[in-house]
Amino acid sequence: HWSDHIGRRAALVVAVLVSLAGTFVFGSASSLLELCVGRGLQGAG
């Protein structure tokens, strides 16, 4: 529901940034923890 408070465009920008961070973490993962963090960030985005 954050887009109701920060605005739709801002929520989409944050979503893209969080997903990009997740993709970079996932793509450079060298352990199970890093895979999970990357996928978790993608899920959050």
All heavy atoms as atom14 arrays in JSON, in Angstrom:
{
  "sequence": "HWSDHIGRRAALVVAVLVSLAGTFVFGSASSLLELCVGRGLQGAG",
  "atom14_mask": [
    [1, 1, 1, 1, 1, 1, 1, 1, 1, 1, 0, 0, 0, 0],
    [1, 1, 1, 1, 1, 1, 1, 1, 1, 1, 1, 1, 1, 1],
    [1, 1, 1, 1, 1, 1, 0, 0, 0, 0, 0, 0, 0, 0],
    [1, 1, 1, 1, 1, 1, 1, 1, 0, 0, 0, 0, 0, 0],
    [1, 1, 1, 1, 1, 1, 1, 1, 1, 1, 0, 0, 0, 0],
    [1, 1, 1, 1, 1, 1, 1, 1, 0, 0, 0, 0, 0, 0],
    [1, 1, 1, 1, 0, 0, 0, 0, 0, 0, 0, 0, 0, 0],
    [1, 1, 1, 1, 1, 1, 1, 1, 1, 1, 1, 0, 0, 0],
    [1, 1, 1, 1, 1, 1, 1, 1, 1, 1, 1, 0, 0, 0],
    [1, 1, 1, 1, 1, 0, 0, 0, 0, 0, 0, 0, 0, 0],
    [1, 1, 1, 1, 1, 0, 0, 0, 0, 0, 0, 0, 0, 0],
    [1, 1, 1, 1, 1, 1, 1, 1, 0, 0, 0, 0, 0, 0],
    [1, 1, 1, 1, 1, 1, 1, 0, 0, 0, 0, 0, 0, 0],
    [1, 1, 1, 1, 1, 1, 1, 0, 0, 0, 0, 0, 0, 0],
    [1, 1, 1, 1, 1, 0, 0, 0, 0, 0, 0, 0, 0, 0],
    [1, 1, 1, 1, 1, 1, 1, 0, 0, 0, 0, 0, 0, 0],
    [1, 1, 1, 1, 1, 1, 1, 1, 0, 0, 0, 0, 0, 0],
    [1, 1, 1, 1, 1, 1, 1, 0, 0, 0, 0, 0, 0, 0],
    [1, 1, 1, 1, 1, 1, 0, 0, 0, 0, 0, 0, 0, 0],
    [1, 1, 1, 1, 1, 1, 1, 1, 0, 0, 0, 0, 0, 0],
    [1, 1, 1, 1, 1, 0, 0, 0, 0, 0, 0, 0, 0, 0],
    [1, 1, 1, 1, 0, 0, 0, 0, 0, 0, 0, 0, 0, 0],
    [1, 1, 1, 1, 1, 1, 1, 0, 0, 0, 0, 0, 0, 0],
    [1, 1, 1, 1, 1, 1, 1, 1, 1, 1, 1, 0, 0, 0],
    [1, 1, 1, 1, 1, 1, 1, 0, 0, 0, 0, 0, 0, 0],
    [1, 1, 1, 1, 1, 1, 1, 1, 1, 1, 1, 0, 0, 0],
    [1, 1, 1, 1, 0, 0, 0, 0, 0, 0, 0, 0, 0, 0],
    [1, 1, 1, 1, 1, 1, 0, 0, 0, 0, 0, 0, 0, 0],
    [1, 1, 1, 1, 1, 0, 0, 0, 0, 0, 0, 0, 0, 0],
    [1, 1, 1, 1, 1, 1, 0, 0, 0, 0, 0, 0, 0, 0],
    [1, 1, 1, 1, 1, 1, 0, 0, 0, 0, 0, 0, 0, 0],
    [1, 1, 1, 1, 1, 1, 1, 1, 0, 0, 0, 0, 0, 0],
    [1, 1, 1, 1, 1, 1, 1, 1, 0, 0, 0, 0, 0, 0],
    [1, 1, 1, 1, 1, 1, 1, 1, 1, 0, 0, 0, 0, 0],
    [1, 1, 1, 1, 1, 1, 1, 1, 0, 0, 0, 0, 0, 0],
    [1, 1, 1, 1, 1, 1, 0, 0, 0, 0, 0, 0, 0, 0],
    [1, 1, 1, 1, 1, 1, 1, 0, 0, 0, 0, 0, 0, 0],
    [1, 1, 1, 1, 0, 0, 0, 0, 0, 0, 0, 0, 0, 0],
    [1, 1, 1, 1, 1, 1, 1, 1, 1, 1, 1, 0, 0, 0],
    [1, 1, 1, 1, 0, 0, 0, 0, 0, 0, 0, 0, 0, 0],
    [1, 1, 1, 1, 1, 1, 1, 1, 0, 0, 0, 0, 0, 0],
    [1, 1, 1, 1, 1, 1, 1, 1, 1, 0, 0, 0, 0, 0],
    [1, 1, 1, 1, 0, 0, 0, 0, 0, 0, 0, 0, 0, 0],
    [1, 1, 1, 1, 1, 0, 0, 0, 0, 0, 0, 0, 0, 0],
    [1, 1, 1, 1, 0, 0, 0, 0, 0, 0, 0, 0, 0, 0]
  ],
  "atom14_positions": [
    [[0.8, -1.22, 0.0], [0.0, 0.0, 0.0], [0.84, 1.28, 0.0], [0.29, 2.37, 0.04], [-0.91, 0.01, 1.23], [-0.15, 0.09, 2.52], [0.51, -0.99, 3.05], [0.06, 1.12, 3.36], [1.1, -0.61, 4.17], [0.85, 0.67, 4.38], [0.0, 0.0, 0.0], [0.0, 0.0, 0.0], [0.0, 0.0, 0.0], [0.0, 0.0, 0.0]],
    [[2.16, 1.17, -0.03], [3.01, 2.36, 0.04], [2.75, 3.35, -1.08], [2.97, 4.55, -0.92], [4.48, 1.96, 0.03], [5.0, 1.58, 1.38], [4.29, 1.36, 2.52], [6.36, 1.38, 1.72], [5.12, 1.02, 3.55], [6.4, 1.02, 3.09], [7.55, 1.44, 1.01], [7.58, 0.75, 3.75], [8.73, 1.16, 1.68], [8.74, 0.83, 3.04]],
    [[2.31, 2.85, -2.23], [2.09, 3.78, -3.34], [0.98, 4.78, -3.01], [0.95, 5.87, -3.58], [1.74, 3.03, -4.62], [0.49, 2.4, -4.52], [0.0, 0.0, 0.0], [0.0, 0.0, 0.0], [0.0, 0.0, 0.0], [0.0, 0.0, 0.0], [0.0, 0.0, 0.0], [0.0, 0.0, 0.0], [0.0, 0.0, 0.0], [0.0, 0.0, 0.0]],
    [[0.11, 4.44, -2.06], [-0.91, 5.39, -1.62], [-0.29, 6.55, -0.85], [-0.84, 7.64, -0.8], [-1.94, 4.71, -0.72], [-2.77, 3.68, -1.46], [-2.91, 3.8, -2.69], [-3.27, 2.75, -0.8], [0.0, 0.0, 0.0], [0.0, 0.0, 0.0], [0.0, 0.0, 0.0], [0.0, 0.0, 0.0], [0.0, 0.0, 0.0], [0.0, 0.0, 0.0]],
    [[0.88, 6.32, -0.26], [1.53, 7.34, 0.57], [2.65, 8.08, -0.17], [2.79, 9.29, 0.01], [2.1, 6.7, 1.84], [1.07, 5.98, 2.65], [0.09, 6.64, 3.37], [0.82, 4.66, 2.82], [-0.69, 5.76, 3.96], [-0.27, 4.55, 3.64], [0.0, 0.0, 0.0], [0.0, 0.0, 0.0], [0.0, 0.0, 0.0], [0.0, 0.0, 0.0]],
    [[3.43, 7.36, -0.96], [4.56, 8.01, -1.63], [4.28, 8.33, -3.09], [5.09, 8.99, -3.74], [5.86, 7.18, -1.51], [5.75, 5.87, -2.26], [6.24, 6.97, -0.06], [7.06, 5.1, -2.35], [0.0, 0.0, 0.0], [0.0, 0.0, 0.0], [0.0, 0.0, 0.0], [0.0, 0.0, 0.0], [0.0, 0.0, 0.0], [0.0, 0.0, 0.0]],
    [[3.18, 7.84, -3.63], [2.83, 8.1, -5.02], [3.15, 6.91, -5.9], [4.05, 6.13, -5.6], [0.0, 0.0, 0.0], [0.0, 0.0, 0.0], [0.0, 0.0, 0.0], [0.0, 0.0, 0.0], [0.0, 0.0, 0.0], [0.0, 0.0, 0.0], [0.0, 0.0, 0.0], [0.0, 0.0, 0.0], [0.0, 0.0, 0.0], [0.0, 0.0, 0.0]],
    [[2.39, 6.77, -6.96], [2.55, 5.61, -7.86], [3.9, 5.62, -8.56], [4.59, 4.61, -8.63], [1.44, 5.59, -8.92], [0.05, 5.71, -8.4], [-0.47, 4.44, -7.74], [-1.85, 4.66, -7.33], [-2.23, 4.88, -6.08], [-1.35, 4.92, -5.12], [-3.5, 5.06, -5.8], [0.0, 0.0, 0.0], [0.0, 0.0, 0.0], [0.0, 0.0, 0.0]],
    [[4.28, 6.79, -9.09], [5.56, 6.86, -9.81], [6.73, 6.58, -8.89], [7.66, 5.85, -9.25], [5.73, 8.24, -10.46], [4.83, 8.42, -11.67], [5.04, 9.76, -12.28], [4.32, 10.74, -11.47], [4.21, 12.01, -11.74], [4.82, 12.51, -12.79], [3.52, 12.81, -10.96], [0.0, 0.0, 0.0], [0.0, 0.0, 0.0], [0.0, 0.0, 0.0]],
    [[6.7, 7.14, -7.69], [7.8, 6.91, -6.75], [7.87, 5.43, -6.37], [8.96, 4.86, -6.28], [7.61, 7.76, -5.5], [0.0, 0.0, 0.0], [0.0, 0.0, 0.0], [0.0, 0.0, 0.0], [0.0, 0.0, 0.0], [0.0, 0.0, 0.0], [0.0, 0.0, 0.0], [0.0, 0.0, 0.0], [0.0, 0.0, 0.0], [0.0, 0.0, 0.0]],
    [[6.72, 4.8, -6.17], [6.71, 3.38, -5.82], [7.28, 2.54, -6.96], [8.02, 1.58, -6.73], [5.29, 2.92, -5.47], [0.0, 0.0, 0.0], [0.0, 0.0, 0.0], [0.0, 0.0, 0.0], [0.0, 0.0, 0.0], [0.0, 0.0, 0.0], [0.0, 0.0, 0.0], [0.0, 0.0, 0.0], [0.0, 0.0, 0.0], [0.0, 0.0, 0.0]],
    [[6.95, 2.91, -8.2], [7.48, 2.17, -9.34], [8.99, 2.37, -9.49], [9.72, 1.44, -9.82], [6.75, 2.55, -10.62], [5.32, 2.05, -10.73], [4.65, 2.6, -11.99], [5.25, 0.54, -10.71], [0.0, 0.0, 0.0], [0.0, 0.0, 0.0], [0.0, 0.0, 0.0], [0.0, 0.0, 0.0], [0.0, 0.0, 0.0], [0.0, 0.0, 0.0]],
    [[9.46, 3.59, -9.22], [10.91, 3.84, -9.29], [11.63, 3.02, -8.22], [12.65, 2.37, -8.5], [11.21, 5.35, -9.13], [12.69, 5.59, -8.9], [10.73, 6.12, -10.35], [0.0, 0.0, 0.0], [0.0, 0.0, 0.0], [0.0, 0.0, 0.0], [0.0, 0.0, 0.0], [0.0, 0.0, 0.0], [0.0, 0.0, 0.0], [0.0, 0.0, 0.0]],
    [[11.11, 3.03, -7.0], [11.72, 2.23, -5.92], [11.67, 0.75, -6.28], [12.64, 0.02, -6.07], [11.02, 2.51, -4.57], [11.51, 1.55, -3.49], [11.26, 3.95, -4.14], [0.0, 0.0, 0.0], [0.0, 0.0, 0.0], [0.0, 0.0, 0.0], [0.0, 0.0, 0.0], [0.0, 0.0, 0.0], [0.0, 0.0, 0.0], [0.0, 0.0, 0.0]],
    [[10.56, 0.29, -6.85], [10.42, -1.11, -7.24], [11.48, -1.51, -8.26], [12.11, -2.57, -8.14], [9.02, -1.37, -7.8], [0.0, 0.0, 0.0], [0.0, 0.0, 0.0], [0.0, 0.0, 0.0], [0.0, 0.0, 0.0], [0.0, 0.0, 0.0], [0.0, 0.0, 0.0], [0.0, 0.0, 0.0], [0.0, 0.0, 0.0], [0.0, 0.0, 0.0]],
    [[11.71, -0.66, -9.24], [12.72, -0.96, -10.26], [14.11, -0.99, -9.64], [14.91, -1.89, -9.92], [12.64, 0.07, -11.42], [13.85, -0.04, -12.33], [11.35, -0.13, -12.21], [0.0, 0.0, 0.0], [0.0, 0.0, 0.0], [0.0, 0.0, 0.0], [0.0, 0.0, 0.0], [0.0, 0.0, 0.0], [0.0, 0.0, 0.0], [0.0, 0.0, 0.0]],
    [[14.42, -0.03, -8.77], [15.74, 0.01, -8.14], [15.98, -1.21, -7.25], [17.06, -1.8, -7.27], [15.91, 1.3, -7.34], [15.94, 2.59, -8.17], [15.99, 3.81, -7.25], [17.12, 2.58, -9.12], [0.0, 0.0, 0.0], [0.0, 0.0, 0.0], [0.0, 0.0, 0.0], [0.0, 0.0, 0.0], [0.0, 0.0, 0.0], [0.0, 0.0, 0.0]],
    [[14.97, -1.59, -6.47], [15.11, -2.76, -5.59], [15.26, -4.02, -6.43], [16.09, -4.89, -6.13], [13.9, -2.86, -4.63], [13.87, -4.19, -3.9], [13.93, -1.71, -3.63], [0.0, 0.0, 0.0], [0.0, 0.0, 0.0], [0.0, 0.0, 0.0], [0.0, 0.0, 0.0], [0.0, 0.0, 0.0], [0.0, 0.0, 0.0], [0.0, 0.0, 0.0]],
    [[14.49, -4.14, -7.51], [14.6, -5.31, -8.38], [15.96, -5.37, -9.07], [16.53, -6.46, -9.21], [13.49, -5.3, -9.42], [12.26, -5.55, -8.81], [0.0, 0.0, 0.0], [0.0, 0.0, 0.0], [0.0, 0.0, 0.0], [0.0, 0.0, 0.0], [0.0, 0.0, 0.0], [0.0, 0.0, 0.0], [0.0, 0.0, 0.0], [0.0, 0.0, 0.0]],
    [[16.47, -4.22, -9.5], [17.8, -4.2, -10.1], [18.87, -4.64, -9.1], [19.78, -5.4, -9.44], [18.13, -2.81, -10.64], [17.55, -2.45, -11.99], [17.82, -0.99, -12.32], [18.11, -3.35, -13.07], [0.0, 0.0, 0.0], [0.0, 0.0, 0.0], [0.0, 0.0, 0.0], [0.0, 0.0, 0.0], [0.0, 0.0, 0.0], [0.0, 0.0, 0.0]],
    [[18.76, -4.14, -7.88], [19.71, -4.56, -6.85], [19.62, -6.07, -6.63], [20.65, -6.76, -6.52], [19.43, -3.82, -5.54], [0.0, 0.0, 0.0], [0.0, 0.0, 0.0], [0.0, 0.0, 0.0], [0.0, 0.0, 0.0], [0.0, 0.0, 0.0], [0.0, 0.0, 0.0], [0.0, 0.0, 0.0], [0.0, 0.0, 0.0], [0.0, 0.0, 0.0]],
    [[18.41, -6.6, -6.59], [18.23, -8.04, -6.43], [18.82, -8.83, -7.59], [19.43, -9.88, -7.39], [0.0, 0.0, 0.0], [0.0, 0.0, 0.0], [0.0, 0.0, 0.0], [0.0, 0.0, 0.0], [0.0, 0.0, 0.0], [0.0, 0.0, 0.0], [0.0, 0.0, 0.0], [0.0, 0.0, 0.0], [0.0, 0.0, 0.0], [0.0, 0.0, 0.0]],
    [[18.66, -8.31, -8.79], [19.22, -8.99, -9.96], [20.74, -9.01, -9.91], [21.36, -10.03, -10.22], [18.73, -8.3, -11.25], [17.3, -8.37, -11.28], [19.31, -8.94, -12.48], [0.0, 0.0, 0.0], [0.0, 0.0, 0.0], [0.0, 0.0, 0.0], [0.0, 0.0, 0.0], [0.0, 0.0, 0.0], [0.0, 0.0, 0.0], [0.0, 0.0, 0.0]],
    [[21.35, -7.9, -9.5], [22.81, -7.86, -9.39], [23.31, -8.8, -8.28], [24.31, -9.49, -8.47], [23.31, -6.43, -9.15], [23.22, -5.57, -10.38], [22.53, -4.38, -10.35], [23.82, -5.95, -11.57], [22.43, -3.58, -11.48], [23.73, -5.16, -12.71], [23.03, -3.97, -12.67], [0.0, 0.0, 0.0], [0.0, 0.0, 0.0], [0.0, 0.0, 0.0]],
    [[22.63, -8.83, -7.15], [23.03, -9.73, -6.07], [22.87, -11.18, -6.52], [23.75, -12.01, -6.31], [22.23, -9.46, -4.78], [22.47, -10.52, -3.73], [22.57, -8.09, -4.22], [0.0, 0.0, 0.0], [0.0, 0.0, 0.0], [0.0, 0.0, 0.0], [0.0, 0.0, 0.0], [0.0, 0.0, 0.0], [0.0, 0.0, 0.0], [0.0, 0.0, 0.0]],
    [[21.75, -11.49, -7.14], [21.51, -12.85, -7.62], [22.53, -13.26, -8.68], [23.06, -14.35, -8.65], [20.09, -12.96, -8.19], [19.75, -14.32, -8.7], [19.34, -15.31, -7.83], [19.82, -14.61, -10.05], [19.02, -16.58, -8.3], [19.51, -15.86, -10.53], [19.11, -16.86, -9.66], [0.0, 0.0, 0.0], [0.0, 0.0, 0.0], [0.0, 0.0, 0.0]],
    [[22.8, -12.34, -9.61], [23.74, -12.65, -10.69], [25.17, -12.85, -10.23], [25.92, -13.58, -10.87], [0.0, 0.0, 0.0], [0.0, 0.0, 0.0], [0.0, 0.0, 0.0], [0.0, 0.0, 0.0], [0.0, 0.0, 0.0], [0.0, 0.0, 0.0], [0.0, 0.0, 0.0], [0.0, 0.0, 0.0], [0.0, 0.0, 0.0], [0.0, 0.0, 0.0]],
    [[25.54, -12.25, -9.12], [26.92, -12.4, -8.62], [27.0, -13.3, -7.39], [28.04, -13.33, -6.73], [27.49, -11.01, -8.29], [26.74, -10.42, -7.24], [0.0, 0.0, 0.0], [0.0, 0.0, 0.0], [0.0, 0.0, 0.0], [0.0, 0.0, 0.0], [0.0, 0.0, 0.0], [0.0, 0.0, 0.0], [0.0, 0.0, 0.0], [0.0, 0.0, 0.0]],
    [[25.94, -14.02, -7.12], [25.89, -14.84, -5.9], [26.91, -15.97, -5.95], [27.12, -16.61, -6.97], [24.49, -15.43, -5.73], [0.0, 0.0, 0.0], [0.0, 0.0, 0.0], [0.0, 0.0, 0.0], [0.0, 0.0, 0.0], [0.0, 0.0, 0.0], [0.0, 0.0, 0.0], [0.0, 0.0, 0.0], [0.0, 0.0, 0.0], [0.0, 0.0, 0.0]],
    [[27.54, -16.17, -4.8], [28.49, -17.28, -4.66], [28.13, -18.19, -3.49], [28.91, -19.06, -3.13], [29.91, -16.73, -4.5], [29.98, -15.92, -3.34], [0.0, 0.0, 0.0], [0.0, 0.0, 0.0], [0.0, 0.0, 0.0], [0.0, 0.0, 0.0], [0.0, 0.0, 0.0], [0.0, 0.0, 0.0], [0.0, 0.0, 0.0], [0.0, 0.0, 0.0]],
    [[26.97, -17.96, -2.92], [26.51, -18.81, -1.81], [24.98, -18.84, -1.8], [24.33, -18.02, -2.46], [27.02, -18.28, -0.47], [26.39, -17.05, -0.15], [0.0, 0.0, 0.0], [0.0, 0.0, 0.0], [0.0, 0.0, 0.0], [0.0, 0.0, 0.0], [0.0, 0.0, 0.0], [0.0, 0.0, 0.0], [0.0, 0.0, 0.0], [0.0, 0.0, 0.0]],
    [[24.44, -19.76, -1.04], [22.99, -19.86, -0.91], [22.4, -18.6, -0.3], [21.35, -18.12, -0.74], [22.63, -21.09, -0.06], [21.15, -21.3, 0.22], [20.36, -21.47, -1.07], [20.94, -22.48, 1.14], [0.0, 0.0, 0.0], [0.0, 0.0, 0.0], [0.0, 0.0, 0.0], [0.0, 0.0, 0.0], [0.0, 0.0, 0.0], [0.0, 0.0, 0.0]],
    [[23.08, -18.03, 0.69], [22.58, -16.81, 1.32], [22.46, -15.67, 0.31], [21.45, -14.97, 0.27], [23.48, -16.4, 2.48], [23.09, -15.1, 3.19], [21.71, -15.27, 3.84], [24.12, -14.72, 4.21], [0.0, 0.0, 0.0], [0.0, 0.0, 0.0], [0.0, 0.0, 0.0], [0.0, 0.0, 0.0], [0.0, 0.0, 0.0], [0.0, 0.0, 0.0]],
    [[23.46, -15.5, -0.54], [23.41, -14.45, -1.54], [22.31, -14.7, -2.57], [21.65, -13.77, -3.02], [24.76, -14.32, -2.24], [25.84, -13.75, -1.33], [27.22, -13.78, -1.95], [27.37, -14.26, -3.11], [28.16, -13.33, -1.3], [0.0, 0.0, 0.0], [0.0, 0.0, 0.0], [0.0, 0.0, 0.0], [0.0, 0.0, 0.0], [0.0, 0.0, 0.0]],
    [[22.09, -15.97, -2.93], [20.98, -16.29, -3.83], [19.65, -15.9, -3.2], [18.8, -15.29, -3.85], [20.95, -17.79, -4.14], [21.94, -18.33, -5.15], [21.79, -19.85, -5.27], [21.75, -17.7, -6.5], [0.0, 0.0, 0.0], [0.0, 0.0, 0.0], [0.0, 0.0, 0.0], [0.0, 0.0, 0.0], [0.0, 0.0, 0.0], [0.0, 0.0, 0.0]],
    [[19.5, -16.23, -1.93], [18.25, -15.92, -1.23], [18.04, -14.42, -1.08], [16.92, -13.92, -1.24], [18.21, -16.6, 0.14], [18.08, -18.39, 0.03], [0.0, 0.0, 0.0], [0.0, 0.0, 0.0], [0.0, 0.0, 0.0], [0.0, 0.0, 0.0], [0.0, 0.0, 0.0], [0.0, 0.0, 0.0], [0.0, 0.0, 0.0], [0.0, 0.0, 0.0]],
    [[19.1, -13.68, -0.79], [18.99, -12.23, -0.66], [18.62, -11.61, -2.01], [17.73, -10.75, -2.09], [20.3, -11.61, -0.11], [20.3, -10.1, -0.24], [20.5, -12.02, 1.33], [0.0, 0.0, 0.0], [0.0, 0.0, 0.0], [0.0, 0.0, 0.0], [0.0, 0.0, 0.0], [0.0, 0.0, 0.0], [0.0, 0.0, 0.0], [0.0, 0.0, 0.0]],
    [[19.26, -12.06, -3.08], [18.95, -11.55, -4.41], [17.51, -11.83, -4.8], [16.8, -10.94, -5.28], [0.0, 0.0, 0.0], [0.0, 0.0, 0.0], [0.0, 0.0, 0.0], [0.0, 0.0, 0.0], [0.0, 0.0, 0.0], [0.0, 0.0, 0.0], [0.0, 0.0, 0.0], [0.0, 0.0, 0.0], [0.0, 0.0, 0.0], [0.0, 0.0, 0.0]],
    [[17.07, -13.05, -4.59], [15.69, -13.4, -4.92], [14.71, -12.66, -4.0], [13.63, -12.26, -4.43], [15.47, -14.91, -4.81], [16.21, -15.69, -5.87], [15.79, -15.36, -7.27], [14.5, -15.99, -7.54], [13.69, -15.66, -8.5], [13.98, -14.68, -9.32], [12.54, -16.27, -8.67], [0.0, 0.0, 0.0], [0.0, 0.0, 0.0], [0.0, 0.0, 0.0]],
    [[15.08, -12.46, -2.74], [14.23, -11.72, -1.83], [14.06, -10.27, -2.26], [12.96, -9.71, -2.2], [0.0, 0.0, 0.0], [0.0, 0.0, 0.0], [0.0, 0.0, 0.0], [0.0, 0.0, 0.0], [0.0, 0.0, 0.0], [0.0, 0.0, 0.0], [0.0, 0.0, 0.0], [0.0, 0.0, 0.0], [0.0, 0.0, 0.0], [0.0, 0.0, 0.0]],
    [[15.13, -9.66, -2.72], [15.04, -8.28, -3.22], [14.18, -8.2, -4.48], [13.4, -7.26, -4.65], [16.44, -7.72, -3.5], [17.27, -7.36, -2.26], [18.7, -7.03, -2.66], [16.64, -6.19, -1.52], [0.0, 0.0, 0.0], [0.0, 0.0, 0.0], [0.0, 0.0, 0.0], [0.0, 0.0, 0.0], [0.0, 0.0, 0.0], [0.0, 0.0, 0.0]],
    [[14.31, -9.2, -5.34], [13.46, -9.23, -6.52], [11.99, -9.36, -6.13], [11.12, -8.7, -6.7], [13.85, -10.37, -7.45], [15.15, -10.13, -8.18], [15.57, -11.31, -9.03], [15.29, -12.46, -8.71], [16.25, -11.03, -10.13], [0.0, 0.0, 0.0], [0.0, 0.0, 0.0], [0.0, 0.0, 0.0], [0.0, 0.0, 0.0], [0.0, 0.0, 0.0]],
    [[11.71, -10.2, -5.14], [10.34, -10.34, -4.65], [9.81, -9.04, -4.07], [8.65, -8.67, -4.28], [0.0, 0.0, 0.0], [0.0, 0.0, 0.0], [0.0, 0.0, 0.0], [0.0, 0.0, 0.0], [0.0, 0.0, 0.0], [0.0, 0.0, 0.0], [0.0, 0.0, 0.0], [0.0, 0.0, 0.0], [0.0, 0.0, 0.0], [0.0, 0.0, 0.0]],
    [[10.66, -8.33, -3.33], [10.24, -7.05, -2.75], [9.93, -6.03, -3.85], [8.95, -5.29, -3.76], [11.34, -6.51, -1.83], [0.0, 0.0, 0.0], [0.0, 0.0, 0.0], [0.0, 0.0, 0.0], [0.0, 0.0, 0.0], [0.0, 0.0, 0.0], [0.0, 0.0, 0.0], [0.0, 0.0, 0.0], [0.0, 0.0, 0.0], [0.0, 0.0, 0.0]],
    [[10.76, -5.99, -4.88], [10.52, -5.07, -5.99], [9.23, -5.38, -6.73], [8.45, -4.48, -7.05], [0.0, 0.0, 0.0], [0.0, 0.0, 0.0], [0.0, 0.0, 0.0], [0.0, 0.0, 0.0], [0.0, 0.0, 0.0], [0.0, 0.0, 0.0], [0.0, 0.0, 0.0], [0.0, 0.0, 0.0], [0.0, 0.0, 0.0], [0.0, 0.0, 0.0]]
  ]
}
